[in-house]
């Protein structure tokens, strides 16, 4: 077993529309644990975070998703915000990266609206997940079982509903980063 200090976590976001706290709070949890966080996006440059609908801070992109390899990361975090996952699910490289990451068996943590990208990657069928409530029909139509819980772990998928769930989401992410993805489904 390794400690988080030996790990690298990818955070995949679009150019804008990222819910700030859904990026910054898991990022802080990861880096405070000693792990390395890397910001991936379809485009180089900076990404724009939001506090709901108001522009917040920008963050520099570390690497484009098209140049990233699943092999270089130990976990993947998909922050929410309505526009962020909606943009990611239209980017073929982002969708392929998510699909390959889930297939790798490594932890994938998605919060709020981020499961839209999981749907597009075709990885939710037969899985139990949660999300922002408005996604439940989309998730059920994609073959998932949607539940209304703070955090749901099903195999290597970790999902949460909204920023209020960040403490539970971060704890589940760090547990998976330290001990590996859950071997049992929910």
C-alpha atoms as a PDB file:
ATOM      1  CA  UNK A   1       0.000   0.000   0.000  1.00  0.00           C
ATOM      2  CA  UNK A   2       1.247   3.473  -0.819  1.00  0.00           C
ATOM      3  CA  UNK A   3       0.514   6.831   0.729  1.00  0.00           C
ATOM      4  CA  UNK A   4      -1.084   9.725  -1.156  1.00  0.00           C
ATOM      5  CA  UNK A   5       2.359  11.351  -1.411  1.00  0.00           C
ATOM      6  CA  UNK A   6       3.162   8.809  -4.119  1.00  0.00           C
ATOM      7  CA  UNK A   7       0.065   9.686  -6.156  1.00  0.00           C
ATOM      8  CA  UNK A   8      -0.930  12.062  -8.940  1.00  0.00           C
ATOM      9  CA  UNK A   9      -4.548  13.096  -9.431  1.00  0.00           C
ATOM     10  CA  UNK A  10      -5.953  14.496 -12.680  1.00  0.00           C
ATOM     11  CA  UNK A  11      -8.674  17.158 -12.486  1.00  0.00           C
ATOM     12  CA  UNK A  12     -10.452  17.383 -15.842  1.00  0.00           C
ATOM     13  CA  UNK A  13     -12.395  20.557 -16.660  1.00  0.00           C
ATOM     14  CA  UNK A  14     -13.617  22.530 -19.656  1.00  0.00           C
ATOM     15  CA  UNK A  15     -12.442  26.070 -20.433  1.00  0.00           C
ATOM     16  CA  UNK A  16     -15.234  27.652 -18.377  1.00  0.00           C
ATOM     17  CA  UNK A  17     -18.297  26.939 -16.304  1.00  0.00           C
ATOM     18  CA  UNK A  18     -16.505  25.029 -13.535  1.00  0.00           C
ATOM     19  CA  UNK A  19     -18.126  25.340 -10.105  1.00  0.00           C
ATOM     20  CA  UNK A  20     -15.160  26.830  -8.198  1.00  0.00           C
ATOM     21  CA  UNK A  21     -15.531  24.981  -4.899  1.00  0.00           C
ATOM     22  CA  UNK A  22     -15.990  21.659  -6.698  1.00  0.00           C
ATOM     23  CA  UNK A  23     -12.511  22.161  -8.136  1.00  0.00           C
ATOM     24  CA  UNK A  24     -10.725  23.992  -5.313  1.00  0.00           C
ATOM     25  CA  UNK A  25     -11.933  21.941  -2.320  1.00  0.00           C
ATOM     26  CA  UNK A  26     -11.016  18.496  -3.736  1.00  0.00           C
ATOM     27  CA  UNK A  27      -7.773  20.019  -5.087  1.00  0.00           C
ATOM     28  CA  UNK A  28      -6.910  21.249  -1.581  1.00  0.00           C
ATOM     29  CA  UNK A  29      -7.791  17.875  -0.045  1.00  0.00           C
ATOM     30  CA  UNK A  30      -5.558  16.092  -2.566  1.00  0.00           C
ATOM     31  CA  UNK A  31      -2.597  18.446  -2.203  1.00  0.00           C
ATOM     32  CA  UNK A  32      -2.941  18.623   1.605  1.00  0.00           C
ATOM     33  CA  UNK A  33      -2.660  14.813   1.628  1.00  0.00           C
ATOM     34  CA  UNK A  34       0.687  15.132  -0.138  1.00  0.00           C
ATOM     35  CA  UNK A  35      -0.513  13.997  -3.548  1.00  0.00           C
ATOM     36  CA  UNK A  36       0.129  15.981  -6.719  1.00  0.00           C
ATOM     37  CA  UNK A  37      -2.813  17.600  -8.531  1.00  0.00           C
ATOM     38  CA  UNK A  38      -2.734  18.254 -12.284  1.00  0.00           C
ATOM     39  CA  UNK A  39      -5.291  20.397 -14.119  1.00  0.00           C
ATOM     40  CA  UNK A  40      -6.300  18.947 -17.495  1.00  0.00           C
ATOM     41  CA  UNK A  41      -8.500  20.663 -20.060  1.00  0.00           C
ATOM     42  CA  UNK A  42      -9.205  20.325 -23.776  1.00  0.00           C
ATOM     43  CA  UNK A  43      -7.462  23.671 -24.349  1.00  0.00           C
ATOM     44  CA  UNK A  44      -4.226  25.084 -22.977  1.00  0.00           C
ATOM     45  CA  UNK A  45      -4.129  28.460 -21.210  1.00  0.00           C
ATOM     46  CA  UNK A  46      -6.483  29.210 -18.337  1.00  0.00           C
ATOM     47  CA  UNK A  47      -9.880  27.976 -17.222  1.00  0.00           C
ATOM     48  CA  UNK A  48     -12.595  30.152 -15.696  1.00  0.00           C
ATOM     49  CA  UNK A  49     -14.271  29.012 -12.497  1.00  0.00           C
ATOM     50  CA  UNK A  50     -17.654  30.258 -11.320  1.00  0.00           C
ATOM     51  CA  UNK A  51     -19.510  30.708  -8.065  1.00  0.00           C
ATOM     52  CA  UNK A  52     -22.802  29.421  -9.430  1.00  0.00           C
ATOM     53  CA  UNK A  53     -23.381  31.920 -12.290  1.00  0.00           C
ATOM     54  CA  UNK A  54     -20.813  34.567 -11.289  1.00  0.00           C
ATOM     55  CA  UNK A  55     -17.244  34.492 -12.593  1.00  0.00           C
ATOM     56  CA  UNK A  56     -14.739  33.602  -9.881  1.00  0.00           C
ATOM     57  CA  UNK A  57     -11.027  32.866 -10.291  1.00  0.00           C
ATOM     58  CA  UNK A  58      -9.050  31.578 -13.241  1.00  0.00           C
ATOM     59  CA  UNK A  59      -6.646  28.666 -13.019  1.00  0.00           C
ATOM     60  CA  UNK A  60      -3.764  27.720 -15.335  1.00  0.00           C
ATOM     61  CA  UNK A  61      -4.069  24.476 -17.285  1.00  0.00           C
ATOM     62  CA  UNK A  62      -1.176  22.096 -16.626  1.00  0.00           C
ATOM     63  CA  UNK A  63      -1.746  19.811 -19.597  1.00  0.00           C
ATOM     64  CA  UNK A  64      -4.231  19.284 -22.412  1.00  0.00           C
ATOM     65  CA  UNK A  65      -6.330  16.157 -22.132  1.00  0.00           C
ATOM     66  CA  UNK A  66      -5.303  15.129 -25.655  1.00  0.00           C
ATOM     67  CA  UNK A  67      -1.674  14.846 -24.477  1.00  0.00           C
ATOM     68  CA  UNK A  68      -2.519  13.094 -21.190  1.00  0.00           C
ATOM     69  CA  UNK A  69      -2.214   9.374 -20.520  1.00  0.00           C
ATOM     70  CA  UNK A  70      -4.341   7.489 -17.995  1.00  0.00           C
ATOM     71  CA  UNK A  71      -1.140   5.666 -17.021  1.00  0.00           C
ATOM     72  CA  UNK A  72       0.302   8.897 -15.578  1.00  0.00           C
ATOM     73  CA  UNK A  73      -2.457   9.339 -12.982  1.00  0.00           C
ATOM     74  CA  UNK A  74      -3.751   7.466  -9.948  1.00  0.00           C
ATOM     75  CA  UNK A  75      -7.217   9.046  -9.801  1.00  0.00           C
ATOM     76  CA  UNK A  76      -9.474  11.370 -11.787  1.00  0.00           C
ATOM     77  CA  UNK A  77     -11.702  14.132 -10.402  1.00  0.00           C
ATOM     78  CA  UNK A  78     -14.534  15.598 -12.460  1.00  0.00           C
ATOM     79  CA  UNK A  79     -15.822  18.849 -10.904  1.00  0.00           C
ATOM     80  CA  UNK A  80     -19.295  20.071 -11.743  1.00  0.00           C
ATOM     81  CA  UNK A  81     -20.906  23.317 -12.725  1.00  0.00           C
ATOM     82  CA  UNK A  82     -23.595  23.118 -15.395  1.00  0.00           C
ATOM     83  CA  UNK A  83     -21.571  24.380 -18.374  1.00  0.00           C
ATOM     84  CA  UNK A  84     -18.339  22.514 -17.527  1.00  0.00           C
ATOM     85  CA  UNK A  85     -19.488  18.891 -18.007  1.00  0.00           C
ATOM     86  CA  UNK A  86     -21.820  19.946 -20.816  1.00  0.00           C
ATOM     87  CA  UNK A  87     -18.769  21.241 -22.721  1.00  0.00           C
ATOM     88  CA  UNK A  88     -16.599  18.242 -21.780  1.00  0.00           C
ATOM     89  CA  UNK A  89     -19.126  15.752 -23.120  1.00  0.00           C
ATOM     90  CA  UNK A  90     -18.794  17.317 -26.571  1.00  0.00           C
ATOM     91  CA  UNK A  91     -14.993  16.913 -26.601  1.00  0.00           C
ATOM     92  CA  UNK A  92     -13.944  13.537 -28.024  1.00  0.00           C
ATOM     93  CA  UNK A  93     -10.561  13.527 -26.238  1.00  0.00           C
ATOM     94  CA  UNK A  94     -12.136  14.305 -22.861  1.00  0.00           C
ATOM     95  CA  UNK A  95     -14.794  11.621 -23.299  1.00  0.00           C
ATOM     96  CA  UNK A  96     -12.204   9.038 -24.361  1.00  0.00           C
ATOM     97  CA  UNK A  97      -9.980   9.934 -21.393  1.00  0.00           C
ATOM     98  CA  UNK A  98     -12.887   9.474 -18.968  1.00  0.00           C
ATOM     99  CA  UNK A  99     -13.914   6.183 -20.612  1.00  0.00           C
ATOM    100  CA  UNK A 100     -10.352   4.854 -20.461  1.00  0.00           C
ATOM    101  CA  UNK A 101      -9.911   6.040 -16.868  1.00  0.00           C
ATOM    102  CA  UNK A 102     -13.038   4.249 -15.685  1.00  0.00           C
ATOM    103  CA  UNK A 103     -11.959   1.109 -17.584  1.00  0.00           C
ATOM    104  CA  UNK A 104      -8.563   1.250 -15.852  1.00  0.00           C
ATOM    105  CA  UNK A 105     -10.187   0.529 -12.496  1.00  0.00           C
ATOM    106  CA  UNK A 106      -8.576   3.582 -10.902  1.00  0.00           C
ATOM    107  CA  UNK A 107     -10.778   5.901  -8.810  1.00  0.00           C
ATOM    108  CA  UNK A 108     -12.971   8.369 -10.704  1.00  0.00           C
ATOM    109  CA  UNK A 109     -14.771  10.989  -8.578  1.00  0.00           C
ATOM    110  CA  UNK A 110     -17.561  13.077 -10.135  1.00  0.00           C
ATOM    111  CA  UNK A 111     -19.683  15.664  -8.347  1.00  0.00           C
ATOM    112  CA  UNK A 112     -22.884  17.573  -9.114  1.00  0.00           C
ATOM    113  CA  UNK A 113     -23.396  17.833 -12.920  1.00  0.00           C
ATOM    114  CA  UNK A 114     -20.130  15.996 -13.745  1.00  0.00           C
ATOM    115  CA  UNK A 115     -21.897  12.637 -14.284  1.00  0.00           C
ATOM    116  CA  UNK A 116     -23.062  14.038 -17.636  1.00  0.00           C
ATOM    117  CA  UNK A 117     -19.525  13.327 -18.829  1.00  0.00           C
ATOM    118  CA  UNK A 118     -19.750   9.802 -17.381  1.00  0.00           C
ATOM    119  CA  UNK A 119     -22.979   9.282 -19.354  1.00  0.00           C
ATOM    120  CA  UNK A 120     -21.324  10.437 -22.583  1.00  0.00           C
ATOM    121  CA  UNK A 121     -18.392   8.092 -21.900  1.00  0.00           C
ATOM    122  CA  UNK A 122     -20.868   5.207 -21.639  1.00  0.00           C
ATOM    123  CA  UNK A 123     -19.685   4.090 -18.188  1.00  0.00           C
ATOM    124  CA  UNK A 124     -22.759   4.345 -15.931  1.00  0.00           C
ATOM    125  CA  UNK A 125     -24.899   1.436 -17.109  1.00  0.00           C
ATOM    126  CA  UNK A 126     -25.447  -0.985 -14.244  1.00  0.00           C
ATOM    127  CA  UNK A 127     -23.796   1.372 -11.745  1.00  0.00           C
ATOM    128  CA  UNK A 128     -25.313   3.072  -8.691  1.00  0.00           C
ATOM    129  CA  UNK A 129     -24.602   6.814  -8.696  1.00  0.00           C
ATOM    130  CA  UNK A 130     -25.784  10.150  -7.388  1.00  0.00           C
ATOM    131  CA  UNK A 131     -25.659  13.650  -8.849  1.00  0.00           C
ATOM    132  CA  UNK A 132     -27.413  16.991  -8.881  1.00  0.00           C
ATOM    133  CA  UNK A 133     -31.101  15.928  -8.843  1.00  0.00           C
ATOM    134  CA  UNK A 134     -31.860  17.236 -12.353  1.00  0.00           C
ATOM    135  CA  UNK A 135     -29.534  14.585 -13.848  1.00  0.00           C
ATOM    136  CA  UNK A 136     -31.389  11.597 -12.372  1.00  0.00           C
ATOM    137  CA  UNK A 137     -33.510  10.987 -15.487  1.00  0.00           C
ATOM    138  CA  UNK A 138     -30.437  11.246 -17.748  1.00  0.00           C
ATOM    139  CA  UNK A 139     -28.548   8.793 -15.531  1.00  0.00           C
ATOM    140  CA  UNK A 140     -31.465   6.350 -15.353  1.00  0.00           C
ATOM    141  CA  UNK A 141     -31.894   6.558 -19.144  1.00  0.00           C
ATOM    142  CA  UNK A 142     -28.189   5.677 -19.454  1.00  0.00           C
ATOM    143  CA  UNK A 143     -28.766   2.539 -17.353  1.00  0.00           C
ATOM    144  CA  UNK A 144     -27.621   3.744 -13.932  1.00  0.00           C
ATOM    145  CA  UNK A 145     -29.453   3.407 -10.651  1.00  0.00           C
ATOM    146  CA  UNK A 146     -29.723   6.951  -9.245  1.00  0.00           C
ATOM    147  CA  UNK A 147     -29.920   7.462  -5.473  1.00  0.00           C
ATOM    148  CA  UNK A 148     -30.178  10.600  -3.347  1.00  0.00           C
ATOM    149  CA  UNK A 149     -27.167  10.252  -1.025  1.00  0.00           C
ATOM    150  CA  UNK A 150     -24.196  12.453  -0.065  1.00  0.00           C
ATOM    151  CA  UNK A 151     -21.651  10.135  -1.607  1.00  0.00           C
ATOM    152  CA  UNK A 152     -22.035   6.886  -3.515  1.00  0.00           C
ATOM    153  CA  UNK A 153     -19.210   4.488  -4.280  1.00  0.00           C
ATOM    154  CA  UNK A 154     -19.762   1.794  -6.867  1.00  0.00           C
ATOM    155  CA  UNK A 155     -16.561   0.040  -7.781  1.00  0.00           C
ATOM    156  CA  UNK A 156     -14.140   2.747  -8.862  1.00  0.00           C
ATOM    157  CA  UNK A 157     -16.856   5.416  -9.312  1.00  0.00           C
ATOM    158  CA  UNK A 158     -17.368   7.968  -6.533  1.00  0.00           C
ATOM    159  CA  UNK A 159     -20.246  10.413  -7.007  1.00  0.00           C
ATOM    160  CA  UNK A 160     -21.781  13.216  -4.935  1.00  0.00           C
ATOM    161  CA  UNK A 161     -24.727  15.587  -5.363  1.00  0.00           C
ATOM    162  CA  UNK A 162     -23.531  19.139  -4.719  1.00  0.00           C
ATOM    163  CA  UNK A 163     -21.041  21.379  -2.874  1.00  0.00           C
ATOM    164  CA  UNK A 164     -22.701  20.598   0.486  1.00  0.00           C
ATOM    165  CA  UNK A 165     -21.426  17.030   0.032  1.00  0.00           C
ATOM    166  CA  UNK A 166     -17.783  18.048  -0.473  1.00  0.00           C
ATOM    167  CA  UNK A 167     -16.569  16.819   2.955  1.00  0.00           C
ATOM    168  CA  UNK A 168     -17.915  13.300   2.253  1.00  0.00           C
ATOM    169  CA  UNK A 169     -16.804  13.447  -1.398  1.00  0.00           C
ATOM    170  CA  UNK A 170     -13.266  14.463  -0.434  1.00  0.00           C
ATOM    171  CA  UNK A 171     -13.061  11.794   2.276  1.00  0.00           C
ATOM    172  CA  UNK A 172     -14.138   9.096  -0.188  1.00  0.00           C
ATOM    173  CA  UNK A 173     -11.653  10.368  -2.781  1.00  0.00           C
ATOM    174  CA  UNK A 174      -8.758  10.327  -0.298  1.00  0.00           C
ATOM    175  CA  UNK A 175      -9.743   6.873   0.959  1.00  0.00           C
ATOM    176  CA  UNK A 176      -9.741   5.538  -2.609  1.00  0.00           C
ATOM    177  CA  UNK A 177      -6.466   7.303  -3.356  1.00  0.00           C
ATOM    178  CA  UNK A 178      -4.837   5.745  -0.299  1.00  0.00           C
ATOM    179  CA  UNK A 179      -6.343   2.254  -0.421  1.00  0.00           C
ATOM    180  CA  UNK A 180      -7.455   1.853  -4.026  1.00  0.00           C
ATOM    181  CA  UNK A 181     -10.887   1.830  -5.603  1.00  0.00           C
ATOM    182  CA  UNK A 182     -13.603  -0.173  -3.920  1.00  0.00           C
ATOM    183  CA  UNK A 183     -13.533  -3.743  -5.133  1.00  0.00           C
ATOM    184  CA  UNK A 184     -17.250  -4.244  -4.543  1.00  0.00           C
ATOM    185  CA  UNK A 185     -20.117  -2.440  -6.183  1.00  0.00           C
ATOM    186  CA  UNK A 186     -22.738  -0.700  -4.068  1.00  0.00           C
END
